[in-house]
Amino acid sequence: ATGKKVELVYDPDGRINNLADEVDKQAPLSRLTLFSPCKVNVFLRITSKREDGYHDLASLFHVISLGDVIKFSLSPSKSIDRLSTNVSGVPLTEDNLIIKALNLYRKKTGTDNFFWIHLDKNVPTGAGLGGGSSNAATALWAANQFSGCLATEKELQEWSSEIGSDIPFFFSHGAAYCTGRGEIVQDIPSLVPLDKPMVLIKPPQACSTAEVYKRFQLDKTSQADPLTLLEKISRNGISQDVCINDLEPPAFEVLPSLKRLKQRIAAAGRGQYDAVFMSGSGSTIVGIGSPDPPQFIYDEDEYQDVFVSEANFINREANQWYQQPGSSSTICDSPPEFTRAIE
């Protein structure tokens, strides 16, 4: 007898995609594409050591136009999130702040939505720009949208401090005076023109925040009063004397080449920058006042692998949330200010 050959094809991806199509049909909101911006610290004063081992800081945080794009889709799974990204070296498990934020949201609200997330990363890691913290705020805001906004934005902001000190800032209006470990966020009007250009220059080496704080010495900090710095910026704008970062000396110990980079940018700028400073715990050096890096960044082999980006300050009023076509009825709350839906 001639037996027929039967080919059995198991197509898990096809099955998953069919399930996803079902989710799309049934859910009022099934996909969101969001912009997740980063920040710079215009000044960063470390004011005291706390009993819990952390340090108290006082800093002017401001959101800027450089950011990541995150796509969220409701998953047919009720047990696991799936995260993918365009760059290597980013953790895709529960070590990632996006997954931590989604777990936190489920814990706080009892919801059972899980997600497929694709992170299009433009903000370098270990840069002192708060990229991961911004991603976490964006994930919290997104999870809230998918659940019909069970939480207020104030609650999201308060919850977010449980997984990271910088995350609450990304629920601000764009400029904020942050104290405590950074989690006490006081919204302030933008003290700088939003069209003020800047250049961000980050060497391939990252600065470990833990390593920087390990070398930090409280008795060697600037004694400038943070509120006086705020007042000076509101009166005269950004200048070198107000852009104080108490973490620069220990970061320059960790990465001596970073000190040289900052000095060279300031010298080569020949006055084109109002100020040159390190953001956060490094390793990004910011030049305010021009979008262009000095020529030596292009000319010398030593700097061929640096990350360079122009940017400007943004705030919520100037950068409104843009909704996806057809989703206006499902966007039920203002976003972490600056996170905006984009097409």
C-alpha atoms as a PDB file:
ATOM      1  CA  ALA A   1       0.000   0.000   0.000  1.00  0.00           C
ATOM      2  CA  THR A   2       1.237   3.441  -0.763  1.00  0.00           C
ATOM      3  CA  GLY A   3       0.883   5.574   2.344  1.00  0.00           C
ATOM      4  CA  LYS A   4       0.383   9.293   1.963  1.00  0.00           C
ATOM      5  CA  LYS A   5       2.976  11.494   3.624  1.00  0.00           C
ATOM      6  CA  VAL A   6       1.319  13.949   5.989  1.00  0.00           C
ATOM      7  CA  GLU A   7       3.274  17.006   6.982  1.00  0.00           C
ATOM      8  CA  LEU A   8       2.345  18.455  10.352  1.00  0.00           C
ATOM      9  CA  VAL A   9       3.383  22.069  10.788  1.00  0.00           C
ATOM     10  CA  TYR A  10       3.417  23.576  14.260  1.00  0.00           C
ATOM     11  CA  ASP A  11       3.331  27.324  13.875  1.00  0.00           C
ATOM     12  CA  PRO A  12       3.508  28.878  17.366  1.00  0.00           C
ATOM     13  CA  ASP A  13       4.044  32.397  16.011  1.00  0.00           C
ATOM     14  CA  GLY A  14       1.004  32.106  13.799  1.00  0.00           C
ATOM     15  CA  ARG A  15      -1.060  30.913  16.741  1.00  0.00           C
ATOM     16  CA  ILE A  16       0.196  33.764  18.923  1.00  0.00           C
ATOM     17  CA  ASN A  17      -0.532  36.300  16.190  1.00  0.00           C
ATOM     18  CA  ASN A  18      -4.087  34.967  15.845  1.00  0.00           C
ATOM     19  CA  LEU A  19      -4.522  35.337  19.594  1.00  0.00           C
ATOM     20  CA  ALA A  20      -3.145  38.878  19.384  1.00  0.00           C
ATOM     21  CA  ASP A  21      -5.661  39.702  16.644  1.00  0.00           C
ATOM     22  CA  GLU A  22      -8.432  38.498  18.975  1.00  0.00           C
ATOM     23  CA  VAL A  23      -7.086  40.753  21.745  1.00  0.00           C
ATOM     24  CA  ASP A  24      -7.089  43.674  19.294  1.00  0.00           C
ATOM     25  CA  LYS A  25     -10.740  43.070  18.458  1.00  0.00           C
ATOM     26  CA  GLN A  26     -11.902  42.777  22.042  1.00  0.00           C
ATOM     27  CA  ALA A  27      -9.912  45.429  23.931  1.00  0.00           C
ATOM     28  CA  PRO A  28     -10.886  49.127  23.824  1.00  0.00           C
ATOM     29  CA  LEU A  29      -7.151  49.928  23.678  1.00  0.00           C
ATOM     30  CA  SER A  30      -4.715  47.318  22.427  1.00  0.00           C
ATOM     31  CA  ARG A  31      -1.639  49.248  21.191  1.00  0.00           C
ATOM     32  CA  LEU A  32       0.210  52.403  22.201  1.00  0.00           C
ATOM     33  CA  THR A  33       3.383  53.963  20.808  1.00  0.00           C
ATOM     34  CA  LEU A  34       4.923  56.424  23.244  1.00  0.00           C
ATOM     35  CA  PHE A  35       7.865  58.828  23.373  1.00  0.00           C
ATOM     36  CA  SER A  36      10.018  58.460  26.489  1.00  0.00           C
ATOM     37  CA  PRO A  37      12.313  61.487  26.878  1.00  0.00           C
ATOM     38  CA  CYS A  38      15.413  61.827  29.037  1.00  0.00           C
ATOM     39  CA  LYS A  39      16.619  64.620  31.356  1.00  0.00           C
ATOM     40  CA  VAL A  40      19.620  66.686  32.319  1.00  0.00           C
ATOM     41  CA  ASN A  41      20.490  68.041  35.761  1.00  0.00           C
ATOM     42  CA  VAL A  42      21.166  71.740  35.249  1.00  0.00           C
ATOM     43  CA  PHE A  43      22.705  71.701  38.720  1.00  0.00           C
ATOM     44  CA  LEU A  44      23.107  68.871  41.215  1.00  0.00           C
ATOM     45  CA  ARG A  45      23.998  69.574  44.820  1.00  0.00           C
ATOM     46  CA  ILE A  46      24.508  66.746  47.316  1.00  0.00           C
ATOM     47  CA  THR A  47      23.519  68.251  50.664  1.00  0.00           C
ATOM     48  CA  SER A  48      23.838  65.489  53.284  1.00  0.00           C
ATOM     49  CA  LYS A  49      24.270  61.778  53.997  1.00  0.00           C
ATOM     50  CA  ARG A  50      21.130  60.027  55.212  1.00  0.00           C
ATOM     51  CA  GLU A  51      20.762  57.366  57.886  1.00  0.00           C
ATOM     52  CA  ASP A  52      19.559  54.890  55.241  1.00  0.00           C
ATOM     53  CA  GLY A  53      22.891  55.172  53.415  1.00  0.00           C
ATOM     54  CA  TYR A  54      21.536  57.314  50.571  1.00  0.00           C
ATOM     55  CA  HIS A  55      22.365  60.984  50.054  1.00  0.00           C
ATOM     56  CA  ASP A  56      20.029  63.958  50.057  1.00  0.00           C
ATOM     57  CA  LEU A  57      20.267  66.008  46.918  1.00  0.00           C
ATOM     58  CA  ALA A  58      18.864  69.263  45.573  1.00  0.00           C
ATOM     59  CA  SER A  59      18.746  69.479  41.798  1.00  0.00           C
ATOM     60  CA  LEU A  60      17.108  71.279  38.907  1.00  0.00           C
ATOM     61  CA  PHE A  61      15.934  68.505  36.579  1.00  0.00           C
ATOM     62  CA  HIS A  62      14.743  69.361  33.073  1.00  0.00           C
ATOM     63  CA  VAL A  63      13.353  67.112  30.357  1.00  0.00           C
ATOM     64  CA  ILE A  64      15.001  67.332  26.931  1.00  0.00           C
ATOM     65  CA  SER A  65      14.039  66.342  23.401  1.00  0.00           C
ATOM     66  CA  LEU A  66      16.247  63.242  23.170  1.00  0.00           C
ATOM     67  CA  GLY A  67      14.277  60.109  24.021  1.00  0.00           C
ATOM     68  CA  ASP A  68      13.346  56.503  23.345  1.00  0.00           C
ATOM     69  CA  VAL A  69      10.240  55.195  21.595  1.00  0.00           C
ATOM     70  CA  ILE A  70       8.311  52.384  23.293  1.00  0.00           C
ATOM     71  CA  LYS A  71       5.588  50.316  21.638  1.00  0.00           C
ATOM     72  CA  PHE A  72       3.126  48.514  23.904  1.00  0.00           C
ATOM     73  CA  SER A  73       0.680  45.828  22.744  1.00  0.00           C
ATOM     74  CA  LEU A  74      -1.695  43.890  24.970  1.00  0.00           C
ATOM     75  CA  SER A  75      -0.455  40.306  25.195  1.00  0.00           C
ATOM     76  CA  PRO A  76      -2.781  37.312  24.943  1.00  0.00           C
ATOM     77  CA  SER A  77      -0.702  35.850  27.799  1.00  0.00           C
ATOM     78  CA  LYS A  78      -1.911  36.398  31.338  1.00  0.00           C
ATOM     79  CA  SER A  79       1.378  35.414  32.907  1.00  0.00           C
ATOM     80  CA  ILE A  80       4.379  37.068  31.253  1.00  0.00           C
ATOM     81  CA  ASP A  81       5.525  40.272  29.558  1.00  0.00           C
ATOM     82  CA  ARG A  82       7.732  40.031  26.478  1.00  0.00           C
ATOM     83  CA  LEU A  83      10.313  42.791  25.951  1.00  0.00           C
ATOM     84  CA  SER A  84      12.453  43.296  22.851  1.00  0.00           C
ATOM     85  CA  THR A  85      14.845  46.092  21.948  1.00  0.00           C
ATOM     86  CA  ASN A  86      16.960  47.422  19.085  1.00  0.00           C
ATOM     87  CA  VAL A  87      20.275  47.462  21.005  1.00  0.00           C
ATOM     88  CA  SER A  88      22.379  44.847  22.755  1.00  0.00           C
ATOM     89  CA  GLY A  89      23.251  44.964  26.436  1.00  0.00           C
ATOM     90  CA  VAL A  90      19.797  46.058  27.655  1.00  0.00           C
ATOM     91  CA  PRO A  91      18.331  43.511  30.126  1.00  0.00           C
ATOM     92  CA  LEU A  92      15.050  42.034  28.873  1.00  0.00           C
ATOM     93  CA  THR A  93      14.040  40.338  32.125  1.00  0.00           C
ATOM     94  CA  GLU A  94      12.759  41.612  35.469  1.00  0.00           C
ATOM     95  CA  ASP A  95      16.011  43.550  35.861  1.00  0.00           C
ATOM     96  CA  ASN A  96      14.628  46.036  33.333  1.00  0.00           C
ATOM     97  CA  LEU A  97      12.791  48.992  34.872  1.00  0.00           C
ATOM     98  CA  ILE A  98      10.000  48.670  32.281  1.00  0.00           C
ATOM     99  CA  ILE A  99       9.157  45.158  33.550  1.00  0.00           C
ATOM    100  CA  LYS A 100       9.563  46.331  37.170  1.00  0.00           C
ATOM    101  CA  ALA A 101       7.092  49.163  36.481  1.00  0.00           C
ATOM    102  CA  LEU A 102       4.526  46.810  34.909  1.00  0.00           C
ATOM    103  CA  ASN A 103       4.879  44.394  37.862  1.00  0.00           C
ATOM    104  CA  LEU A 104       4.448  47.313  40.272  1.00  0.00           C
ATOM    105  CA  TYR A 105       1.292  48.478  38.477  1.00  0.00           C
ATOM    106  CA  ARG A 106      -0.243  44.989  38.613  1.00  0.00           C
ATOM    107  CA  LYS A 107       0.656  44.673  42.305  1.00  0.00           C
ATOM    108  CA  LYS A 108      -0.927  48.035  43.168  1.00  0.00           C
ATOM    109  CA  THR A 109      -4.099  47.662  41.089  1.00  0.00           C
ATOM    110  CA  GLY A 110      -4.702  43.910  40.892  1.00  0.00           C
ATOM    111  CA  THR A 111      -5.001  44.082  37.085  1.00  0.00           C
ATOM    112  CA  ASP A 112      -3.908  41.121  34.963  1.00  0.00           C
ATOM    113  CA  ASN A 113      -2.826  42.817  31.726  1.00  0.00           C
ATOM    114  CA  PHE A 114       0.509  41.638  30.346  1.00  0.00           C
ATOM    115  CA  PHE A 115       2.270  43.212  27.384  1.00  0.00           C
ATOM    116  CA  TRP A 116       4.523  42.834  24.387  1.00  0.00           C
ATOM    117  CA  ILE A 117       6.899  45.774  24.527  1.00  0.00           C
ATOM    118  CA  HIS A 118       9.416  46.935  21.956  1.00  0.00           C
ATOM    119  CA  LEU A 119      11.947  49.488  23.171  1.00  0.00           C
ATOM    120  CA  ASP A 120      13.577  51.574  20.451  1.00  0.00           C
ATOM    121  CA  LYS A 121      16.539  52.873  22.460  1.00  0.00           C
ATOM    122  CA  ASN A 122      18.144  56.186  21.500  1.00  0.00           C
ATOM    123  CA  VAL A 123      19.293  57.279  24.965  1.00  0.00           C
ATOM    124  CA  PRO A 124      22.597  55.626  25.930  1.00  0.00           C
ATOM    125  CA  THR A 125      22.728  53.703  29.216  1.00  0.00           C
ATOM    126  CA  GLY A 126      25.084  54.738  32.032  1.00  0.00           C
ATOM    127  CA  ALA A 127      24.821  58.295  30.770  1.00  0.00           C
ATOM    128  CA  GLY A 128      23.343  60.236  33.701  1.00  0.00           C
ATOM    129  CA  LEU A 129      20.333  61.101  31.508  1.00  0.00           C
ATOM    130  CA  GLY A 130      17.683  59.030  33.314  1.00  0.00           C
ATOM    131  CA  GLY A 131      16.721  56.986  30.253  1.00  0.00           C
ATOM    132  CA  GLY A 132      15.742  53.898  32.240  1.00  0.00           C
ATOM    133  CA  SER A 133      13.766  55.949  34.776  1.00  0.00           C
ATOM    134  CA  SER A 134      11.856  57.645  31.972  1.00  0.00           C
ATOM    135  CA  ASN A 135      11.088  54.233  30.419  1.00  0.00           C
ATOM    136  CA  ALA A 136       9.650  53.094  33.767  1.00  0.00           C
ATOM    137  CA  ALA A 137       7.416  56.179  34.070  1.00  0.00           C
ATOM    138  CA  THR A 138       6.223  55.634  30.497  1.00  0.00           C
ATOM    139  CA  ALA A 139       5.427  51.971  31.236  1.00  0.00           C
ATOM    140  CA  LEU A 140       3.425  52.920  34.345  1.00  0.00           C
ATOM    141  CA  TRP A 141       1.475  55.507  32.377  1.00  0.00           C
ATOM    142  CA  ALA A 142       0.840  53.044  29.537  1.00  0.00           C
ATOM    143  CA  ALA A 143      -0.344  50.276  31.897  1.00  0.00           C
ATOM    144  CA  ASN A 144      -2.765  52.765  33.421  1.00  0.00           C
ATOM    145  CA  GLN A 145      -4.185  53.622  29.983  1.00  0.00           C
ATOM    146  CA  PHE A 146      -4.735  49.962  29.132  1.00  0.00           C
ATOM    147  CA  SER A 147      -6.606  49.528  32.422  1.00  0.00           C
ATOM    148  CA  GLY A 148      -8.930  52.493  31.914  1.00  0.00           C
ATOM    149  CA  CYS A 149      -6.938  54.733  34.258  1.00  0.00           C
ATOM    150  CA  LEU A 150      -7.543  53.039  37.594  1.00  0.00           C
ATOM    151  CA  ALA A 151      -4.898  55.268  39.197  1.00  0.00           C
ATOM    152  CA  THR A 152      -4.426  59.028  39.242  1.00  0.00           C
ATOM    153  CA  GLU A 153      -1.173  60.427  37.924  1.00  0.00           C
ATOM    154  CA  LYS A 154      -0.304  61.497  41.488  1.00  0.00           C
ATOM    155  CA  GLU A 155      -0.621  57.854  42.599  1.00  0.00           C
ATOM    156  CA  LEU A 156       1.560  56.667  39.715  1.00  0.00           C
ATOM    157  CA  GLN A 157       4.161  59.238  40.740  1.00  0.00           C
ATOM    158  CA  GLU A 158       4.098  58.115  44.385  1.00  0.00           C
ATOM    159  CA  TRP A 159       4.245  54.408  43.507  1.00  0.00           C
ATOM    160  CA  SER A 160       7.135  54.929  41.097  1.00  0.00           C
ATOM    161  CA  SER A 161       9.520  55.989  43.887  1.00  0.00           C
ATOM    162  CA  GLU A 162       9.423  52.376  45.134  1.00  0.00           C
ATOM    163  CA  ILE A 163      11.495  51.246  42.139  1.00  0.00           C
ATOM    164  CA  GLY A 164      13.704  54.284  41.460  1.00  0.00           C
ATOM    165  CA  SER A 165      14.458  57.752  42.866  1.00  0.00           C
ATOM    166  CA  ASP A 166      14.499  59.519  39.480  1.00  0.00           C
ATOM    167  CA  ILE A 167      11.236  58.053  38.161  1.00  0.00           C
ATOM    168  CA  PRO A 168       8.784  60.427  39.955  1.00  0.00           C
ATOM    169  CA  PHE A 169      10.364  63.381  38.125  1.00  0.00           C
ATOM    170  CA  PHE A 170       9.023  62.077  34.805  1.00  0.00           C
ATOM    171  CA  PHE A 171       5.479  62.786  36.029  1.00  0.00           C
ATOM    172  CA  SER A 172       6.348  66.488  36.363  1.00  0.00           C
ATOM    173  CA  HIS A 173       5.624  69.291  33.901  1.00  0.00           C
ATOM    174  CA  GLY A 174       9.172  69.184  32.582  1.00  0.00           C
ATOM    175  CA  ALA A 175      11.148  71.371  34.942  1.00  0.00           C
ATOM    176  CA  ALA A 176      11.275  70.444  38.617  1.00  0.00           C
ATOM    177  CA  TYR A 177      13.262  71.162  41.746  1.00  0.00           C
ATOM    178  CA  CYS A 178      13.932  67.696  43.167  1.00  0.00           C
ATOM    179  CA  THR A 179      15.028  66.970  46.739  1.00  0.00           C
ATOM    180  CA  GLY A 180      15.274  63.987  49.094  1.00  0.00           C
ATOM    181  CA  ARG A 181      16.815  61.135  47.076  1.00  0.00           C
ATOM    182  CA  GLY A 182      15.301  62.875  44.040  1.00  0.00           C
ATOM    183  CA  GLU A 183      11.802  61.540  44.651  1.00  0.00           C
ATOM    184  CA  ILE A 184      10.414  64.791  46.171  1.00  0.00           C
ATOM    185  CA  VAL A 185       9.375  66.646  43.025  1.00  0.00           C
ATOM    186  CA  GLN A 186       8.369  70.298  43.045  1.00  0.00           C
ATOM    187  CA  ASP A 187       7.100  71.473  39.667  1.00  0.00           C
ATOM    188  CA  ILE A 188       8.457  74.863  38.663  1.00  0.00           C
ATOM    189  CA  PRO A 189       7.953  76.963  35.535  1.00  0.00           C
ATOM    190  CA  SER A 190      10.650  76.382  32.940  1.00  0.00           C
ATOM    191  CA  LEU A 191      13.483  78.767  33.823  1.00  0.00           C
ATOM    192  CA  VAL A 192      15.223  78.452  30.469  1.00  0.00           C
ATOM    193  CA  PRO A 193      14.088  79.153  26.886  1.00  0.00           C
ATOM    194  CA  LEU A 194      12.832  75.909  25.360  1.00  0.00           C
ATOM    195  CA  ASP A 195      14.583  76.636  22.076  1.00  0.00           C
ATOM    196  CA  LYS A 196      17.959  76.891  23.839  1.00  0.00           C
ATOM    197  CA  PRO A 197      20.104  74.319  21.969  1.00  0.00           C
ATOM    198  CA  MET A 198      22.538  71.916  23.587  1.00  0.00           C
ATOM    199  CA  VAL A 199      24.925  69.173  22.598  1.00  0.00           C
ATOM    200  CA  LEU A 200      25.298  65.888  24.521  1.00  0.00           C
ATOM    201  CA  ILE A 201      28.641  64.105  24.319  1.00  0.00           C
ATOM    202  CA  LYS A 202      29.037  60.713  25.999  1.00  0.00           C
ATOM    203  CA  PRO A 203      32.123  58.509  25.793  1.00  0.00           C
ATOM    204  CA  PRO A 204      31.576  54.753  25.399  1.00  0.00           C
ATOM    205  CA  GLN A 205      32.551  54.210  29.043  1.00  0.00           C
ATOM    206  CA  ALA A 206      29.606  54.329  31.435  1.00  0.00           C
ATOM    207  CA  CYS A 207      29.830  55.722  34.952  1.00  0.00           C
ATOM    208  CA  SER A 208      28.570  53.387  37.666  1.00  0.00           C
ATOM    209  CA  THR A 209      26.399  55.499  39.979  1.00  0.00           C
ATOM    210  CA  ALA A 210      27.340  53.239  42.912  1.00  0.00           C
ATOM    211  CA  GLU A 211      31.047  53.666  42.146  1.00  0.00           C
ATOM    212  CA  VAL A 212      30.704  57.461  41.895  1.00  0.00           C
ATOM    213  CA  TYR A 213      28.904  57.705  45.243  1.00  0.00           C
ATOM    214  CA  LYS A 214      31.500  55.397  46.826  1.00  0.00           C
ATOM    215  CA  ARG A 215      34.188  57.975  46.043  1.00  0.00           C
ATOM    216  CA  PHE A 216      32.021  60.969  46.907  1.00  0.00           C
ATOM    217  CA  GLN A 217      33.240  63.114  49.834  1.00  0.00           C
ATOM    218  CA  LEU A 218      30.683  65.413  51.431  1.00  0.00           C
ATOM    219  CA  ASP A 219      33.318  67.810  52.768  1.00  0.00           C
ATOM    220  CA  LYS A 220      34.571  68.510  49.234  1.00  0.00           C
ATOM    221  CA  THR A 221      31.277  69.681  47.726  1.00  0.00           C
ATOM    222  CA  SER A 222      30.317  73.135  46.556  1.00  0.00           C
ATOM    223  CA  GLN A 223      28.685  75.158  49.322  1.00  0.00           C
ATOM    224  CA  ALA A 224      26.328  76.987  46.938  1.00  0.00           C
ATOM    225  CA  ASP A 225      22.764  77.270  48.201  1.00  0.00           C
ATOM    226  CA  PRO A 226      20.481  75.401  45.749  1.00  0.00           C
ATOM    227  CA  LEU A 227      17.654  77.932  46.104  1.00  0.00           C
ATOM    228  CA  THR A 228      20.102  80.737  45.285  1.00  0.00           C
ATOM    229  CA  LEU A 229      21.133  78.798  42.165  1.00  0.00           C
ATOM    230  CA  LEU A 230      17.470  78.509  41.136  1.00  0.00           C
ATOM    231  CA  GLU A 231      16.981  82.232  41.653  1.00  0.00           C
ATOM    232  CA  LYS A 232      20.103  83.075  39.613  1.00  0.00           C
ATOM    233  CA  ILE A 233      18.926  80.878  36.725  1.00  0.00           C
ATOM    234  CA  SER A 234      15.469  82.455  36.750  1.00  0.00           C
ATOM    235  CA  ARG A 235      17.052  85.931  36.730  1.00  0.00           C
ATOM    236  CA  ASN A 236      20.027  85.495  34.378  1.00  0.00           C
ATOM    237  CA  GLY A 237      19.587  82.137  32.619  1.00  0.00           C
ATOM    238  CA  ILE A 238      22.153  79.352  32.464  1.00  0.00           C
ATOM    239  CA  SER A 239      25.806  80.213  32.997  1.00  0.00           C
ATOM    240  CA  GLN A 240      28.882  78.224  33.999  1.00  0.00           C
ATOM    241  CA  ASP A 241      28.771  79.406  37.632  1.00  0.00           C
ATOM    242  CA  VAL A 242      25.292  77.962  38.273  1.00  0.00           C
ATOM    243  CA  CYS A 243      25.842  74.570  36.594  1.00  0.00           C
ATOM    244  CA  ILE A 244      27.383  72.942  39.651  1.00  0.00           C
ATOM    245  CA  ASN A 245      27.459  69.155  39.869  1.00  0.00           C
ATOM    246  CA  ASP A 246      28.855  67.780  43.129  1.00  0.00           C
ATOM    247  CA  LEU A 247      29.254  64.343  41.519  1.00  0.00           C
ATOM    248  CA  GLU A 248      31.799  65.581  38.963  1.00  0.00           C
ATOM    249  CA  PRO A 249      34.912  65.197  41.194  1.00  0.00           C
ATOM    250  CA  PRO A 250      34.181  61.546  42.151  1.00  0.00           C
ATOM    251  CA  ALA A 251      33.076  60.721  38.569  1.00  0.00           C
ATOM    252  CA  PHE A 252      36.333  62.225  37.261  1.00  0.00           C
ATOM    253  CA  GLU A 253      38.205  59.941  39.693  1.00  0.00           C
ATOM    254  CA  VAL A 254      36.324  56.936  38.331  1.00  0.00           C
ATOM    255  CA  LEU A 255      36.917  58.071  34.713  1.00  0.00           C
ATOM    256  CA  PRO A 256      39.886  60.484  34.500  1.00  0.00           C
ATOM    257  CA  SER A 257      39.369  60.775  30.718  1.00  0.00           C
ATOM    258  CA  LEU A 258      35.965  62.361  31.429  1.00  0.00           C
ATOM    259  CA  LYS A 259      37.552  65.302  33.238  1.00  0.00           C
ATOM    260  CA  ARG A 260      39.800  65.898  30.250  1.00  0.00           C
ATOM    261  CA  LEU A 261      36.846  65.682  27.876  1.00  0.00           C
ATOM    262  CA  LYS A 262      34.915  68.301  29.846  1.00  0.00           C
ATOM    263  CA  GLN A 263      37.931  70.631  29.991  1.00  0.00           C
ATOM    264  CA  ARG A 264      38.583  70.274  26.266  1.00  0.00           C
ATOM    265  CA  ILE A 265      34.952  70.922  25.309  1.00  0.00           C
ATOM    266  CA  ALA A 266      34.901  74.071  27.454  1.00  0.00           C
ATOM    267  CA  ALA A 267      38.217  75.301  25.990  1.00  0.00           C
ATOM    268  CA  ALA A 268      37.468  74.376  22.376  1.00  0.00           C
ATOM    269  CA  GLY A 269      33.987  75.920  22.555  1.00  0.00           C
ATOM    270  CA  ARG A 270      35.590  79.398  22.598  1.00  0.00           C
ATOM    271  CA  GLY A 271      32.506  80.883  24.167  1.00  0.00           C
ATOM    272  CA  GLN A 272      29.933  79.068  22.015  1.00  0.00           C
ATOM    273  CA  TYR A 273      28.623  77.312  25.152  1.00  0.00           C
ATOM    274  CA  ASP A 274      26.956  79.171  28.035  1.00  0.00           C
ATOM    275  CA  ALA A 275      27.964  76.260  30.267  1.00  0.00           C
ATOM    276  CA  VAL A 276      29.635  72.846  30.057  1.00  0.00           C
ATOM    277  CA  PHE A 277      28.791  70.315  32.772  1.00  0.00           C
ATOM    278  CA  MET A 278      28.243  66.644  33.520  1.00  0.00           C
ATOM    279  CA  SER A 279      24.663  65.397  33.874  1.00  0.00           C
ATOM    280  CA  GLY A 280      23.682  63.231  36.845  1.00  0.00           C
ATOM    281  CA  SER A 281      26.395  60.772  37.844  1.00  0.00           C
ATOM    282  CA  GLY A 282      27.831  60.797  34.288  1.00  0.00           C
ATOM    283  CA  SER A 283      29.176  60.025  31.833  1.00  0.00           C
ATOM    284  CA  THR A 284      27.429  62.581  29.560  1.00  0.00           C
ATOM    285  CA  ILE A 285      28.960  66.034  29.195  1.00  0.00           C
ATOM    286  CA  VAL A 286      26.420  68.705  28.208  1.00  0.00           C
ATOM    287  CA  GLY A 287      27.265  71.896  26.330  1.00  0.00           C
ATOM    288  CA  ILE A 288      24.419  74.438  26.597  1.00  0.00           C
ATOM    289  CA  GLY A 289      24.052  77.131  23.942  1.00  0.00           C
ATOM    290  CA  SER A 290      25.086  75.329  20.749  1.00  0.00           C
ATOM    291  CA  PRO A 291      23.944  72.079  19.103  1.00  0.00           C
ATOM    292  CA  ASP A 292      27.419  71.480  17.651  1.00  0.00           C
ATOM    293  CA  PRO A 293      30.273  69.550  19.269  1.00  0.00           C
ATOM    294  CA  PRO A 294      33.801  70.996  19.061  1.00  0.00           C
ATOM    295  CA  GLN A 295      35.729  69.937  15.935  1.00  0.00           C
ATOM    296  CA  PHE A 296      38.189  67.719  17.850  1.00  0.00           C
ATOM    297  CA  ILE A 297      35.341  65.271  18.544  1.00  0.00           C
ATOM    298  CA  TYR A 298      35.247  64.570  14.791  1.00  0.00           C
ATOM    299  CA  ASP A 299      38.981  64.824  14.129  1.00  0.00           C
ATOM    300  CA  GLU A 300      40.590  62.613  16.767  1.00  0.00           C
ATOM    301  CA  ASP A 301      40.557  58.813  16.779  1.00  0.00           C
ATOM    302  CA  GLU A 302      40.204  58.813  20.552  1.00  0.00           C
ATOM    303  CA  TYR A 303      36.676  60.190  20.187  1.00  0.00           C
ATOM    304  CA  GLN A 304      35.419  58.190  17.216  1.00  0.00           C
ATOM    305  CA  ASP A 305      33.131  56.075  19.432  1.00  0.00           C
ATOM    306  CA  VAL A 306      31.537  58.860  21.466  1.00  0.00           C
ATOM    307  CA  PHE A 307      27.767  59.336  21.401  1.00  0.00           C
ATOM    308  CA  VAL A 308      26.847  62.812  20.135  1.00  0.00           C
ATOM    309  CA  SER A 309      23.349  64.275  19.982  1.00  0.00           C
ATOM    310  CA  GLU A 310      21.843  67.705  19.782  1.00  0.00           C
ATOM    311  CA  ALA A 311      18.784  68.451  21.901  1.00  0.00           C
ATOM    312  CA  ASN A 312      16.740  71.226  23.451  1.00  0.00           C
ATOM    313  CA  PHE A 313      14.633  71.659  26.564  1.00  0.00           C
ATOM    314  CA  ILE A 314      10.973  70.629  26.307  1.00  0.00           C
ATOM    315  CA  ASN A 315       7.956  70.905  28.555  1.00  0.00           C
ATOM    316  CA  ARG A 316       4.449  69.613  28.512  1.00  0.00           C
ATOM    317  CA  GLU A 317       2.812  72.763  27.211  1.00  0.00           C
ATOM    318  CA  ALA A 318       5.202  72.959  24.266  1.00  0.00           C
ATOM    319  CA  ASN A 319       5.138  69.232  23.582  1.00  0.00           C
ATOM    320  CA  GLN A 320       1.558  68.088  23.931  1.00  0.00           C
ATOM    321  CA  TRP A 321       0.590  64.445  23.880  1.00  0.00           C
ATOM    322  CA  TYR A 322      -0.333  63.438  20.356  1.00  0.00           C
ATOM    323  CA  GLN A 323      -2.833  60.625  20.279  1.00  0.00           C
ATOM    324  CA  GLN A 324      -2.887  57.835  17.782  1.00  0.00           C
ATOM    325  CA  PRO A 325      -5.685  58.042  15.219  1.00  0.00           C
ATOM    326  CA  GLY A 326      -8.857  56.546  16.614  1.00  0.00           C
ATOM    327  CA  SER A 327      -7.567  56.252  20.177  1.00  0.00           C
ATOM    328  CA  SER A 328      -8.790  59.572  21.562  1.00  0.00           C
ATOM    329  CA  SER A 329     -11.635  57.930  23.459  1.00  0.00           C
ATOM    330  CA  THR A 330      -9.218  55.667  25.321  1.00  0.00           C
ATOM    331  CA  ILE A 331      -6.586  58.183  26.398  1.00  0.00           C
ATOM    332  CA  CYS A 332      -8.056  59.101  29.744  1.00  0.00           C
ATOM    333  CA  ASP A 333      -5.394  60.970  31.636  1.00  0.00           C
ATOM    334  CA  SER A 334      -2.530  63.321  30.982  1.00  0.00           C
ATOM    335  CA  PRO A 335       0.723  61.431  30.335  1.00  0.00           C
ATOM    336  CA  PRO A 336       3.918  61.581  32.293  1.00  0.00           C
ATOM    337  CA  GLU A 337       4.383  65.025  30.968  1.00  0.00           C
ATOM    338  CA  PHE A 338       6.565  64.664  27.913  1.00  0.00           C
ATOM    339  CA  THR A 339       5.663  61.205  27.168  1.00  0.00           C
ATOM    340  CA  ARG A 340       3.527  61.586  24.116  1.00  0.00           C
ATOM    341  CA  ALA A 341       1.927  59.219  21.704  1.00  0.00           C
ATOM    342  CA  ILE A 342       3.595  59.433  18.333  1.00  0.00           C
ATOM    343  CA  GLU A 343       2.949  57.908  14.952  1.00  0.00           C
END
